[in-house]
C-alpha atoms as a PDB file:
ATOM      1  CA  MET A   1       0.190  -0.081   0.142  1.00  0.00           C
ATOM      2  CA  GLY A   2       2.960   2.440   0.706  1.00  0.00           C
ATOM      3  CA  PHE A   3       3.949   1.915  -2.896  1.00  0.00           C
ATOM      4  CA  VAL A   4       0.896   2.358  -4.355  1.00  0.00           C
ATOM      5  CA  TYR A   5       0.812   5.713  -2.420  1.00  0.00           C
ATOM      6  CA  ARG A   6       4.222   7.092  -3.106  1.00  0.00           C
ATOM      7  CA  GLN A   7       3.357   6.251  -7.024  1.00  0.00           C
ATOM      8  CA  CYS A   8      -0.453   7.105  -7.208  1.00  0.00           C
ATOM      9  CA  THR A   9      -0.528   9.358  -4.524  1.00  0.00           C
ATOM     10  CA  GLU A  10      -3.860   9.622  -1.974  1.00  0.00           C
ATOM     11  CA  ALA A  11      -6.473   9.353  -4.702  1.00  0.00           C
ATOM     12  CA  GLY A  12      -4.650   5.877  -6.031  1.00  0.00           C
ATOM     13  CA  LEU A  13      -4.823   4.335  -2.894  1.00  0.00           C
ATOM     14  CA  ARG A  14      -8.589   5.487  -2.371  1.00  0.00           C
ATOM     15  CA  GLU A  15      -9.568   3.781  -5.267  1.00  0.00           C
ATOM     16  CA  LEU A  16      -7.598   0.819  -4.590  1.00  0.00           C
ATOM     17  CA  PHE A  17     -10.552   0.161  -2.200  1.00  0.00           C
ATOM     18  CA  THR A  18     -13.220   0.660  -4.766  1.00  0.00           C
ATOM     19  CA  PHE A  19     -11.731  -2.998  -6.416  1.00  0.00           C
ATOM     20  CA  ASP A  20     -13.484  -6.018  -5.593  1.00  0.00           C
ATOM     21  CA  GLN A  21     -10.526  -7.783  -4.510  1.00  0.00           C
ATOM     22  CA  ALA A  22     -10.190  -5.196  -1.978  1.00  0.00           C
ATOM     23  CA  LYS A  23     -12.968  -6.991  -0.282  1.00  0.00           C
ATOM     24  CA  GLN A  24     -10.449 -10.039   0.453  1.00  0.00           C
ATOM     25  CA  PHE A  25      -8.623  -7.482   3.073  1.00  0.00           C
ATOM     26  CA  HIS A  26      -9.619  -7.919   6.510  1.00  0.00           C
ATOM     27  CA  ARG A  27      -9.762  -5.475   9.265  1.00  0.00           C
ATOM     28  CA  ALA A  28      -7.054  -6.891  10.857  1.00  0.00           C
ATOM     29  CA  PHE A  29      -4.469  -7.238   7.912  1.00  0.00           C
ATOM     30  CA  LEU A  30      -5.687  -3.320   7.228  1.00  0.00           C
ATOM     31  CA  GLU A  31      -5.092  -2.582  10.623  1.00  0.00           C
ATOM     32  CA  ASP A  32      -1.989  -4.062  10.413  1.00  0.00           C
ATOM     33  CA  ALA A  33      -0.499  -2.196   7.451  1.00  0.00           C
ATOM     34  CA  ALA A  34      -1.873   0.997   8.650  1.00  0.00           C
ATOM     35  CA  ALA A  35       0.542   0.614  11.664  1.00  0.00           C
ATOM     36  CA  GLU A  36       3.387  -0.021   9.072  1.00  0.00           C
ATOM     37  CA  LEU A  37       2.814   2.755   7.151  1.00  0.00           C
ATOM     38  CA  ALA A  38       2.769   5.382  10.405  1.00  0.00           C
ATOM     39  CA  GLN A  39       6.042   3.850  11.462  1.00  0.00           C
ATOM     40  CA  ALA A  40       7.093   4.470   7.940  1.00  0.00           C
ATOM     41  CA  GLY A  41       6.312   8.133   8.561  1.00  0.00           C
ATOM     42  CA  MET A  42       3.621   7.791   5.693  1.00  0.00           C
ATOM     43  CA  LEU A  43       0.565   9.568   8.086  1.00  0.00           C
ATOM     44  CA  LYS A  44      -1.784  10.356   5.423  1.00  0.00           C
ATOM     45  CA  ALA A  45      -1.798   7.039   4.001  1.00  0.00           C
ATOM     46  CA  SER A  46      -2.226   5.196   7.437  1.00  0.00           C
ATOM     47  CA  ALA A  47      -5.187   7.728   8.210  1.00  0.00           C
ATOM     48  CA  ILE A  48      -6.868   6.117   4.566  1.00  0.00           C
ATOM     49  CA  VAL A  49      -5.972   2.825   5.396  1.00  0.00           C
ATOM     50  CA  THR A  50      -7.110   3.346   9.193  1.00  0.00           C
ATOM     51  CA  SER A  51     -10.395   4.621   7.709  1.00  0.00           C
ATOM     52  CA  ALA A  52     -10.632   1.624   4.964  1.00  0.00           C
ATOM     53  CA  ALA A  53     -10.306  -0.624   7.781  1.00  0.00           C
ATOM     54  CA  LYS A  54     -13.577   0.748   9.541  1.00  0.00           C
ATOM     55  CA  ASN A  55     -15.171  -0.586   6.922  1.00  0.00           C
ATOM     56  CA  ALA A  56     -13.531  -3.843   6.312  1.00  0.00           C
ATOM     57  CA  PRO A  57     -14.969  -7.268   7.422  1.00  0.00           C
ATOM     58  CA  ILE A  58     -13.493  -9.159   9.978  1.00  0.00           C
ATOM     59  CA  ARG A  59     -11.316 -12.007   9.276  1.00  0.00           C
ATOM     60  CA  VAL A  60     -14.212 -14.899   9.731  1.00  0.00           C
ATOM     61  CA  GLU A  61     -15.841 -12.914   7.256  1.00  0.00           C
ATOM     62  CA  VAL A  62     -13.618 -13.269   4.617  1.00  0.00           C
ATOM     63  CA  CYS A  63     -12.739 -16.817   3.764  1.00  0.00           C
ATOM     64  CA  PRO A  64     -10.038 -17.514   1.112  1.00  0.00           C
ATOM     65  CA  TYR A  65     -11.122 -20.920  -0.194  1.00  0.00           C
ATOM     66  CA  GLU A  66     -13.743 -22.113  -2.346  1.00  0.00           C
ATOM     67  CA  GLU A  67     -17.156 -22.590  -0.361  1.00  0.00           C
ATOM     68  CA  GLY A  68     -17.898 -26.351   0.586  1.00  0.00           C
ATOM     69  CA  SER A  69     -14.256 -27.477  -0.005  1.00  0.00           C
ATOM     70  CA  THR A  70     -11.941 -29.425   2.839  1.00  0.00           C
ATOM     71  CA  ASN A  71      -9.902 -26.332   3.249  1.00  0.00           C
ATOM     72  CA  HIS A  72     -13.415 -24.139   3.680  1.00  0.00           C
ATOM     73  CA  LYS A  73     -14.536 -26.109   6.402  1.00  0.00           C
ATOM     74  CA  ALA A  74     -11.430 -25.928   8.173  1.00  0.00           C
ATOM     75  CA  TRP A  75     -10.984 -22.732   7.914  1.00  0.00           C
ATOM     76  CA  LEU A  76     -14.223 -22.044   9.071  1.00  0.00           C
ATOM     77  CA  ALA A  77     -13.627 -24.242  11.958  1.00  0.00           C
ATOM     78  CA  THR A  78     -10.532 -22.311  13.193  1.00  0.00           C
ATOM     79  CA  MET A  79     -12.633 -19.132  12.836  1.00  0.00           C
ATOM     80  CA  LYS A  80     -15.088 -20.351  15.084  1.00  0.00           C
ATOM     81  CA  ARG A  81     -12.529 -21.776  17.689  1.00  0.00           C
ATOM     82  CA  ARG A  82     -11.000 -18.318  17.575  1.00  0.00           C
ATOM     83  CA  LEU A  83     -14.087 -16.525  17.613  1.00  0.00           C
ATOM     84  CA  THR A  84     -15.011 -18.887  21.084  1.00  0.00           C
ATOM     85  CA  ASN A  85     -11.774 -17.552  22.655  1.00  0.00           C
ATOM     86  CA  GLY A  86     -12.541 -14.012  21.868  1.00  0.00           C
ATOM     87  CA  SER A  87     -10.084 -13.182  19.524  1.00  0.00           C
ATOM     88  CA  ARG A  88     -12.062 -11.340  16.468  1.00  0.00           C
ATOM     89  CA  ARG A  89      -8.778 -11.013  14.228  1.00  0.00           C
END
């Protein structure tokens, strides 16, 4: 995201979140990315990513596997276990 921000400025970074593939970014990923951007001194980029994270789904809502597959079922079981233990990341 830092690369997109440096190459395409603020408008390019905001546009990144309009693509369908951006829906695969879960909240924890975006929060981590925002922290890294802030640490690198890209505070404006960090603010944009933090804003996008507020509307992003939690990890359990973004399954990377085909629905109904063995990996999908295992992933869901893992997420259910994490939610039961109190972790929403």
